[in-house]
Each structure stands twice: as structure tokens, then as C-alpha cells.
Amino acid sequence: MSDAPSVLRIALLGYGLIGREHAALVADHAATELAAIVDIGEEGRQAAARFGVPWFSEIAPMLDAVAPDGVIVALPNQLHVAAGLACIERRIPFLVEKPVADTAADAFALAAAAEAAGVATLVGHHRRHAPDIQAARAAIQRGELGRIVTVAGLCLVRKHDAYFEVAWRRRQGGGPLLINAIHDIDCFRFLCGEIDSVQAIASHAVRGFEVEDTVAMALCFRSGALGTFLLSDVVPSPWFWETASGQALYFPPQPETAYTIGGTHAALALPTGVLWHHHDGGDWRSPLLQSRLPIPDQRCYVAQLDHFVDLMRGGTASVVDARDGAMTVATLEAIERAATTQGPVAVADFVAAP
């Protein structure tokens, strides 16, 4: 355990949509305080004034002047690696929003640099900290579902038209695969293990942008389980983990099922936590019984910050470090390639050696 102070000073890089939420969470947490904000915009400068912390337009001068205990990187994706390397150079632990990098190659390079320097990293896959996902993982590891056979997920939402006024959201890499499905694929990996190969079909027929609006995926897990995932950002529905779980920062809750996981002993619906099973030895001729996983009332973003505090103090291993986050990016790159080639793609093709 380190001799870290009782209240840890965290600097925020980026005051955009998620950055402002991080700022509020850090300011409200009993064990943290906001140390500085780095942002090139006027909104970031004004936010720093409201929080009573220094404002900087560049990362390195802030890190050298403020010397924070930790950093949250909430910058545009293409700036994640440079920000992470600046933290690594100064031996500062950092939480970086997903994706950890624009490409799997850069993500693995960042992970290697952090590992070589012994700097703790945490990727902002907030759902790993959610009580429903944590309860499901524990049930799977206890064997309550038996051998996992199937995994299925839905992410169907209708994004507002103004969302696409930002040019990069209309271009390759700015669509729902990297923005939304990256969380779901990460959850699938967290719950059911690595995905070895993928197939996919993508369409941009509704909006006609360069970027996809709908994708259908088939997943082959290392364990032998098979999965499917259907993604679209042009369909209004409740089948979206963020709203179904009630954990979203920006969207109204609408309890529903977003994932189903099928095992030889039971099937599990998430985020509701409903388990379906037969009596021991039963089969489709027997009545189905229903039970529910115990899911505590806990906010995943607060739990993520709690975990980052523990990480900064040196008291725990990261729930999702940079290398783990890089594996999710590699899986997404394999899906993108599969959507282009219309054939199976091995995730290993995108994974850098440790």
C-alpha cells in the first residue's frame, strides 16, 4: 500500500460531454478533489473558474506545475495516447476514457509503455463497475449458469439529428461501433471470456453517411460459446444497456433486457438479473423456474471512481487496464474488418505481443 494522501488530487483533461461528468464526480467524492482542468475551449476555462482550480490549454505544463496524484483523460480519442504517455513519463496513474486509443496497435503500445514504467492504468469501461454486470460475472464464475453456450445482445437507439452535425461522427470510426458497441463487446469479454473470431455485416443505408448506422455481428468465443450482437443508432427502443440498467448519465431509465446469456444450467437476462432454469435434471418438458440475482443499488460511475482511488493508492489491481482495453479495441477492429471483407476474421490478427 502506498503512502498516498487521504484526499487525492485529480486533474481532468478535456471538459466535453463526459469530462464535465467526471469533474462533478471528482468534486463530490470524499476521497478526491479536482486539481486542474486542461481544455482548449472557453467552456473548460469557465468550468475551472467555477470549481476554483487552475485552467491550462496544454497537458505537459499542467502536469509539471500541478503534479496531480492522478489524471482522468477525457479528450478526443486521437489524443488519448499522447496524454497517456505524458502521464507515464511523470509516473502518474491515469483513467483514460474508451477507447484507450484510436487503433489496437497504438493501444498495445501505450499498454507496454505503462507496464514498463509501472504506472497504473484504468480504461473507462464503466459498465464493468455496474452492479448488474458484477453480479452476473460472479454468478457465471460460481457456475450457476453451467457451461456458457450462447451470448446475445441488442443496442438499438435513435440518435438525434443534431448529434451528426459534428463532422467526425459522420466519418469512419465515428459511428456506433466504436462509440457504443465497444462497451457491449467489452462486457461480453468481461463476462464470458475472449472472443477469438468474428463475422459482421454493416449498413449505412438509412442516413447515407460514410459511417455505419446498423451492424449485425456473429462472435465465436475462445470457450466455444457463440454470440450475436445487433447494433443500430436509427431505431428507437428500450433494448440498450444504458437506459435498461438505469445507470446512464444522460438518458431516462427504461427497464428492459439488453443481453441474454445461455448456459447448460440456466439462462440469464441482463440488466434485470432474471435467471431461467428447470429443476435439477429437467428439460423443455418441465416448467421453467425463475429467480433473480441479488443486485445492489450502486452507481457504476461512482464505483469506477472508487476503484480509481484504490488504484492510485496502490491497493488493488485494475479492473480493466490499458492492455485489457487494447484487447477490446482489437476485437472492434476485427469486427470492422469483417464487415468490410464479409468473411470471418481472427481477433489475434490485431493483437500485439506483450
Protein backbone atom coordinates (compact mmCIF):
# COMPACT_ATOMS: atom_id res chain seq x y z
CA MET A 1 0.00 0.00 0.00
CA SER A 2 1.36 3.47 -0.86
CA ASP A 3 1.60 6.48 1.45
CA ALA A 4 -0.84 8.45 -0.73
CA PRO A 5 -2.62 11.37 0.96
CA SER A 6 -6.12 10.95 2.37
CA VAL A 7 -7.56 13.23 -0.31
CA LEU A 8 -6.19 12.62 -3.79
CA ARG A 9 -5.80 15.46 -6.29
CA ILE A 10 -7.09 14.51 -9.75
CA ALA A 11 -6.57 16.59 -12.88
CA LEU A 12 -9.06 16.41 -15.73
CA LEU A 13 -8.01 16.50 -19.37
CA GLY A 14 -10.97 17.52 -21.51
CA TYR A 15 -14.21 19.20 -20.48
CA GLY A 16 -16.61 17.75 -23.02
CA LEU A 17 -19.75 15.67 -22.51
CA ILE A 18 -18.15 13.01 -20.28
CA GLY A 19 -15.45 15.33 -18.95
CA ARG A 20 -17.95 17.55 -17.16
CA GLU A 21 -19.46 14.46 -15.51
CA HIS A 22 -16.02 13.35 -14.32
CA ALA A 23 -15.39 16.83 -12.91
CA ALA A 24 -18.59 16.73 -10.86
CA LEU A 25 -17.91 13.18 -9.62
CA VAL A 26 -14.36 14.05 -8.53
CA ALA A 27 -15.51 17.24 -6.81
CA ASP A 28 -18.25 15.37 -4.91
CA HIS A 29 -16.18 12.35 -3.85
CA ALA A 30 -14.97 12.30 -0.25
CA ALA A 31 -11.52 10.98 -1.17
CA THR A 32 -10.79 13.20 -4.19
CA GLU A 33 -10.60 16.81 -5.20
CA LEU A 34 -10.32 18.41 -8.62
CA ALA A 35 -6.78 19.72 -9.09
CA ALA A 36 -6.91 21.31 -12.57
CA ILE A 37 -8.70 21.29 -15.91
CA VAL A 38 -6.98 21.13 -19.28
CA ASP A 39 -9.19 22.19 -22.19
CA ILE A 40 -8.78 24.42 -25.22
CA GLY A 41 -12.34 25.77 -25.11
CA GLU A 42 -13.94 28.64 -23.28
CA GLU A 43 -16.33 26.27 -21.51
CA GLY A 44 -13.38 24.46 -19.93
CA ARG A 45 -11.82 27.73 -18.77
CA GLN A 46 -15.11 28.86 -17.22
CA ALA A 47 -15.56 25.47 -15.53
CA ALA A 48 -12.11 25.74 -13.95
CA ALA A 49 -13.10 29.13 -12.56
CA ARG A 50 -16.35 27.71 -11.13
CA PHE A 51 -14.50 24.81 -9.48
CA GLY A 52 -11.78 27.15 -8.25
CA VAL A 53 -8.95 25.21 -9.90
CA PRO A 54 -6.21 26.19 -12.38
CA TRP A 55 -7.01 26.07 -16.09
CA PHE A 56 -4.49 25.09 -18.75
CA SER A 57 -4.69 24.76 -22.51
CA GLU A 58 -1.83 22.23 -22.70
CA ILE A 59 -1.18 18.96 -20.87
CA ALA A 60 2.55 18.98 -20.07
CA PRO A 61 2.64 22.43 -18.40
CA MET A 62 -0.27 21.41 -16.18
CA LEU A 63 1.31 18.10 -15.16
CA ASP A 64 4.59 19.82 -14.30
CA ALA A 65 3.00 22.76 -12.44
CA VAL A 66 0.24 20.89 -10.57
CA ALA A 67 1.80 17.40 -10.12
CA PRO A 68 -1.57 15.71 -9.53
CA ASP A 69 -1.94 12.34 -7.82
CA GLY A 70 -3.97 11.05 -10.76
CA VAL A 71 -5.34 12.13 -14.13
CA ILE A 72 -8.60 11.49 -15.97
CA VAL A 73 -8.21 11.61 -19.74
CA ALA A 74 -11.50 12.63 -21.38
CA LEU A 75 -10.04 14.09 -24.56
CA PRO A 76 -10.95 13.19 -28.17
CA ASN A 77 -9.89 9.63 -28.97
CA GLN A 78 -6.92 10.61 -31.13
CA LEU A 79 -5.32 12.43 -28.17
CA HIS A 80 -5.52 9.55 -25.67
CA VAL A 81 -2.11 8.06 -26.40
CA ALA A 82 -0.20 11.35 -26.18
CA ALA A 83 -1.96 12.19 -22.92
CA GLY A 84 -1.28 8.74 -21.51
CA LEU A 85 2.40 8.89 -22.46
CA ALA A 86 2.71 12.28 -20.74
CA CYS A 87 1.32 10.73 -17.55
CA ILE A 88 3.57 7.68 -17.86
CA GLU A 89 6.64 9.89 -18.26
CA ARG A 90 5.80 11.50 -14.91
CA ARG A 91 4.71 8.25 -13.21
CA ILE A 92 1.14 9.49 -12.71
CA PRO A 93 -1.73 6.91 -12.67
CA PHE A 94 -4.46 7.72 -15.16
CA LEU A 95 -8.02 6.79 -16.07
CA VAL A 96 -8.49 7.07 -19.82
CA GLU A 97 -11.91 7.10 -21.43
CA LYS A 98 -12.66 4.42 -24.01
CA PRO A 99 -11.34 3.62 -26.49
CA VAL A 100 -7.91 3.57 -24.89
CA ALA A 101 -6.52 4.51 -28.33
CA ASP A 102 -7.69 5.04 -31.90
CA THR A 103 -6.09 1.78 -33.06
CA ALA A 104 -5.23 -1.53 -31.45
CA ALA A 105 -1.56 -1.07 -32.35
CA ASP A 106 -1.41 2.26 -30.51
CA ALA A 107 -3.40 0.83 -27.60
CA PHE A 108 -0.96 -2.05 -27.12
CA ALA A 109 1.99 0.34 -27.42
CA LEU A 110 0.52 2.53 -24.68
CA ALA A 111 -0.09 -0.53 -22.50
CA ALA A 112 3.51 -1.67 -22.96
CA ALA A 113 4.82 1.77 -22.00
CA ALA A 114 2.69 1.84 -18.84
CA GLU A 115 3.75 -1.67 -17.87
CA ALA A 116 7.43 -0.90 -18.40
CA ALA A 117 7.16 2.18 -16.20
CA GLY A 118 4.97 0.52 -13.58
CA VAL A 119 2.23 3.14 -13.98
CA ALA A 120 -1.33 2.08 -13.06
CA THR A 121 -3.94 2.49 -15.80
CA LEU A 122 -7.72 2.24 -15.88
CA VAL A 123 -9.83 2.36 -19.06
CA GLY A 124 -13.26 3.96 -18.73
CA HIS A 125 -15.35 0.87 -19.45
CA HIS A 126 -17.73 1.95 -16.72
CA ARG A 127 -20.12 -0.99 -17.13
CA ARG A 128 -17.54 -3.35 -15.58
CA HIS A 129 -18.21 -1.49 -12.31
CA ALA A 130 -22.00 -1.73 -12.62
CA PRO A 131 -23.77 -3.87 -10.00
CA ASP A 132 -25.70 -5.90 -12.60
CA ILE A 133 -22.57 -6.76 -14.60
CA GLN A 134 -20.63 -7.54 -11.40
CA ALA A 135 -23.44 -9.80 -10.14
CA ALA A 136 -23.64 -11.59 -13.50
CA ARG A 137 -19.89 -12.19 -13.60
CA ALA A 138 -19.96 -13.61 -10.07
CA ALA A 139 -22.87 -15.94 -10.95
CA ILE A 140 -21.09 -17.16 -14.07
CA GLN A 141 -17.86 -17.77 -12.15
CA ARG A 142 -19.80 -19.69 -9.46
CA GLY A 143 -21.14 -21.96 -12.19
CA GLU A 144 -24.79 -21.03 -11.73
CA LEU A 145 -25.34 -20.99 -15.49
CA GLY A 146 -23.27 -24.09 -16.16
CA ARG A 147 -21.16 -24.02 -19.30
CA ILE A 148 -21.80 -20.84 -21.30
CA VAL A 149 -23.22 -21.75 -24.72
CA THR A 150 -24.79 -18.57 -26.14
CA VAL A 151 -24.48 -14.81 -25.72
CA ALA A 152 -26.83 -12.32 -27.40
CA GLY A 153 -27.02 -8.57 -27.19
CA LEU A 154 -29.02 -5.65 -28.54
CA CYS A 155 -28.11 -1.98 -28.75
CA LEU A 156 -30.90 -0.22 -30.63
CA VAL A 157 -31.29 3.55 -30.19
CA ARG A 158 -32.30 6.54 -32.28
CA LYS A 159 -29.75 9.32 -32.07
CA HIS A 160 -30.94 12.88 -32.62
CA ASP A 161 -30.12 14.53 -35.94
CA ALA A 162 -28.07 17.34 -34.37
CA TYR A 163 -25.68 14.71 -32.99
CA PHE A 164 -24.31 14.31 -36.53
CA GLU A 165 -23.62 18.00 -37.06
CA VAL A 166 -20.16 17.20 -35.64
CA ALA A 167 -18.25 16.13 -38.75
CA TRP A 168 -16.22 13.25 -37.27
CA ARG A 169 -19.43 11.46 -36.25
CA ARG A 170 -20.33 11.10 -39.95
CA ARG A 171 -16.96 9.56 -40.86
CA GLN A 172 -15.41 6.14 -40.46
CA GLY A 173 -14.55 5.48 -36.82
CA GLY A 174 -17.18 7.89 -35.50
CA GLY A 175 -20.15 5.53 -35.64
CA PRO A 176 -21.93 3.28 -33.17
CA LEU A 177 -19.32 0.51 -33.42
CA LEU A 178 -16.56 2.50 -31.74
CA ILE A 179 -18.80 4.84 -29.75
CA ASN A 180 -21.43 2.40 -28.42
CA ALA A 181 -20.73 -1.26 -29.22
CA ILE A 182 -17.24 -1.05 -27.74
CA HIS A 183 -18.89 -1.10 -24.30
CA ASP A 184 -21.02 -4.13 -25.13
CA ILE A 185 -18.14 -6.08 -26.62
CA ASP A 186 -16.08 -5.25 -23.54
CA CYS A 187 -18.90 -6.54 -21.32
CA PHE A 188 -19.10 -9.76 -23.33
CA ARG A 189 -15.34 -10.26 -22.86
CA PHE A 190 -15.58 -9.46 -19.15
CA LEU A 191 -18.47 -11.86 -18.59
CA CYS A 192 -17.72 -14.72 -20.98
CA GLY A 193 -14.05 -14.56 -21.89
CA GLU A 194 -12.08 -13.70 -25.00
CA ILE A 195 -13.63 -13.61 -28.46
CA ASP A 196 -11.47 -15.49 -30.96
CA SER A 197 -13.15 -14.70 -34.28
CA VAL A 198 -15.95 -12.56 -35.67
CA GLN A 199 -18.14 -12.04 -38.69
CA ALA A 200 -20.19 -8.93 -39.45
CA ILE A 201 -22.46 -7.12 -41.89
CA ALA A 202 -22.70 -3.32 -41.77
CA SER A 203 -25.08 -0.86 -43.42
CA HIS A 204 -25.28 2.92 -43.75
CA ALA A 205 -28.46 2.86 -45.83
CA VAL A 206 -30.66 4.99 -43.56
CA ARG A 207 -28.53 8.12 -43.11
CA GLY A 208 -26.21 7.56 -46.04
CA PHE A 209 -23.15 8.74 -44.15
CA GLU A 210 -19.70 7.24 -44.61
CA VAL A 211 -20.03 5.73 -41.16
CA GLU A 212 -22.23 2.73 -40.38
CA ASP A 213 -25.66 3.11 -38.78
CA THR A 214 -26.50 -0.61 -38.39
CA VAL A 215 -24.31 -3.68 -37.82
CA ALA A 216 -25.09 -7.38 -37.27
CA MET A 217 -22.30 -9.43 -35.70
CA ALA A 218 -21.54 -13.10 -35.06
CA LEU A 219 -18.99 -13.89 -32.36
CA CYS A 220 -17.03 -17.06 -31.60
CA PHE A 221 -15.67 -17.17 -28.06
CA ARG A 222 -12.50 -18.98 -27.06
CA SER A 223 -14.59 -21.17 -24.77
CA GLY A 224 -16.60 -22.42 -27.75
CA ALA A 225 -19.65 -20.29 -26.95
CA LEU A 226 -21.34 -18.50 -29.83
CA GLY A 227 -22.73 -15.00 -29.74
CA THR A 228 -24.66 -12.42 -31.70
CA PHE A 229 -24.92 -8.67 -31.37
CA LEU A 230 -27.28 -6.34 -33.24
CA LEU A 231 -26.46 -2.64 -33.26
CA SER A 232 -28.24 0.37 -34.73
CA ASP A 233 -28.44 4.06 -33.93
CA VAL A 234 -31.54 4.71 -36.08
CA VAL A 235 -34.05 2.55 -34.14
CA PRO A 236 -36.00 3.82 -31.11
CA SER A 237 -36.15 1.05 -28.50
CA PRO A 238 -35.63 0.19 -24.82
CA TRP A 239 -33.05 -2.50 -25.72
CA PHE A 240 -29.96 -0.52 -24.82
CA TRP A 241 -27.89 -1.22 -21.70
CA GLU A 242 -27.52 2.41 -20.70
CA THR A 243 -31.26 3.02 -20.38
CA ALA A 244 -32.23 -0.56 -19.47
CA SER A 245 -29.85 -0.57 -16.49
CA GLY A 246 -30.85 2.86 -15.20
CA GLN A 247 -27.13 3.67 -14.92
CA ALA A 248 -26.96 6.25 -17.72
CA LEU A 249 -25.76 9.77 -17.02
CA TYR A 250 -27.70 11.33 -19.89
CA PHE A 251 -30.76 9.16 -20.69
CA PRO A 252 -34.05 8.37 -18.91
CA PRO A 253 -34.24 4.83 -17.49
CA GLN A 254 -36.40 2.20 -19.18
CA PRO A 255 -36.01 -1.25 -17.55
CA GLU A 256 -35.66 -3.96 -20.19
CA THR A 257 -33.38 -6.76 -21.35
CA ALA A 258 -30.26 -5.87 -23.35
CA TYR A 259 -28.23 -9.09 -23.02
CA THR A 260 -29.12 -12.76 -22.67
CA ILE A 261 -26.53 -15.36 -21.68
CA GLY A 262 -27.40 -19.03 -22.09
CA GLY A 263 -25.70 -21.83 -20.18
CA THR A 264 -26.29 -25.55 -19.79
CA HIS A 265 -27.90 -24.98 -16.35
CA ALA A 266 -29.66 -21.64 -16.74
CA ALA A 267 -30.23 -18.59 -18.92
CA LEU A 268 -29.65 -15.07 -17.62
CA ALA A 269 -31.24 -11.80 -18.74
CA LEU A 270 -29.36 -8.55 -18.13
CA PRO A 271 -29.50 -5.99 -16.71
CA THR A 272 -32.64 -7.30 -14.97
CA GLY A 273 -30.75 -10.23 -13.43
CA VAL A 274 -33.55 -12.73 -14.13
CA LEU A 275 -32.41 -16.38 -14.21
CA TRP A 276 -34.46 -19.05 -16.01
CA HIS A 277 -33.88 -22.73 -15.23
CA HIS A 278 -35.50 -26.12 -14.73
CA HIS A 279 -35.44 -28.31 -11.64
CA ASP A 280 -32.29 -30.42 -11.47
CA GLY A 281 -32.41 -32.84 -14.38
CA GLY A 282 -35.31 -31.02 -16.03
CA ASP A 283 -35.59 -30.15 -19.70
CA TRP A 284 -38.02 -28.49 -22.10
CA ARG A 285 -40.81 -30.81 -20.93
CA SER A 286 -40.53 -29.32 -17.41
CA PRO A 287 -41.81 -25.98 -16.16
CA LEU A 288 -39.33 -23.13 -16.24
CA LEU A 289 -38.48 -21.61 -12.88
CA GLN A 290 -37.48 -18.03 -12.37
CA SER A 291 -35.17 -16.44 -9.83
CA ARG A 292 -33.28 -13.16 -9.70
CA LEU A 293 -29.68 -12.31 -8.95
CA PRO A 294 -29.18 -10.06 -5.93
CA ILE A 295 -28.11 -6.73 -7.45
CA PRO A 296 -27.16 -3.95 -5.02
CA ASP A 297 -28.20 -0.34 -5.57
CA GLN A 298 -24.94 1.16 -6.73
CA ARG A 299 -23.90 3.76 -9.31
CA CYS A 300 -21.31 2.47 -11.76
CA TYR A 301 -19.58 5.81 -12.32
CA VAL A 302 -19.14 6.32 -8.58
CA ALA A 303 -17.87 2.74 -8.26
CA GLN A 304 -15.42 3.41 -11.10
CA LEU A 305 -14.05 6.45 -9.27
CA ASP A 306 -13.85 4.43 -6.03
CA HIS A 307 -11.77 1.87 -7.92
CA PHE A 308 -9.51 4.56 -9.39
CA VAL A 309 -8.90 5.87 -5.87
CA ASP A 310 -7.87 2.37 -4.74
CA LEU A 311 -5.67 2.07 -7.81
CA MET A 312 -3.93 5.37 -7.12
CA ARG A 313 -3.28 4.22 -3.56
CA GLY A 314 -1.74 1.01 -4.86
CA GLY A 315 -4.19 -1.21 -3.03
CA THR A 316 -5.73 -3.15 -5.92
CA ALA A 317 -5.24 -4.43 -9.45
CA SER A 318 -7.00 -2.59 -12.27
CA VAL A 319 -10.39 -3.99 -13.29
CA VAL A 320 -9.54 -3.01 -16.88
CA ASP A 321 -6.01 -1.81 -17.53
CA ALA A 322 -4.63 -0.47 -20.79
CA ARG A 323 -3.77 -3.93 -22.15
CA ASP A 324 -7.25 -5.25 -21.36
CA GLY A 325 -8.74 -2.18 -23.01
CA ALA A 326 -6.49 -2.78 -26.02
CA MET A 327 -7.99 -6.25 -26.40
CA THR A 328 -11.43 -4.70 -26.74
CA VAL A 329 -10.12 -2.29 -29.39
CA ALA A 330 -8.55 -5.26 -31.22
CA THR A 331 -11.89 -7.07 -31.17
CA LEU A 332 -13.66 -3.99 -32.59
CA GLU A 333 -11.05 -3.70 -35.34
CA ALA A 334 -11.65 -7.34 -36.22
CA ILE A 335 -15.41 -6.63 -36.45
CA GLU A 336 -14.77 -3.61 -38.69
CA ARG A 337 -12.56 -5.74 -40.95
CA ALA A 338 -15.18 -8.49 -41.05
CA ALA A 339 -17.86 -6.01 -42.07
CA THR A 340 -15.65 -4.96 -44.98
CA THR A 341 -14.48 -8.40 -46.13
CA GLN A 342 -17.79 -10.22 -45.47
CA GLY A 343 -15.86 -13.16 -44.04
CA PRO A 344 -14.57 -14.48 -40.70
CA VAL A 345 -11.72 -12.52 -39.08
CA ALA A 346 -9.45 -13.65 -36.24
CA VAL A 347 -9.06 -11.18 -33.37
CA ALA A 348 -5.47 -12.40 -32.95
CA ASP A 349 -4.59 -10.63 -36.21
CA PHE A 350 -4.95 -7.32 -34.37
CA VAL A 351 -3.23 -8.25 -31.10
CA ALA A 352 0.32 -7.13 -30.37
CA ALA A 353 2.60 -9.45 -28.38
CA PRO A 354 3.23 -8.41 -24.75
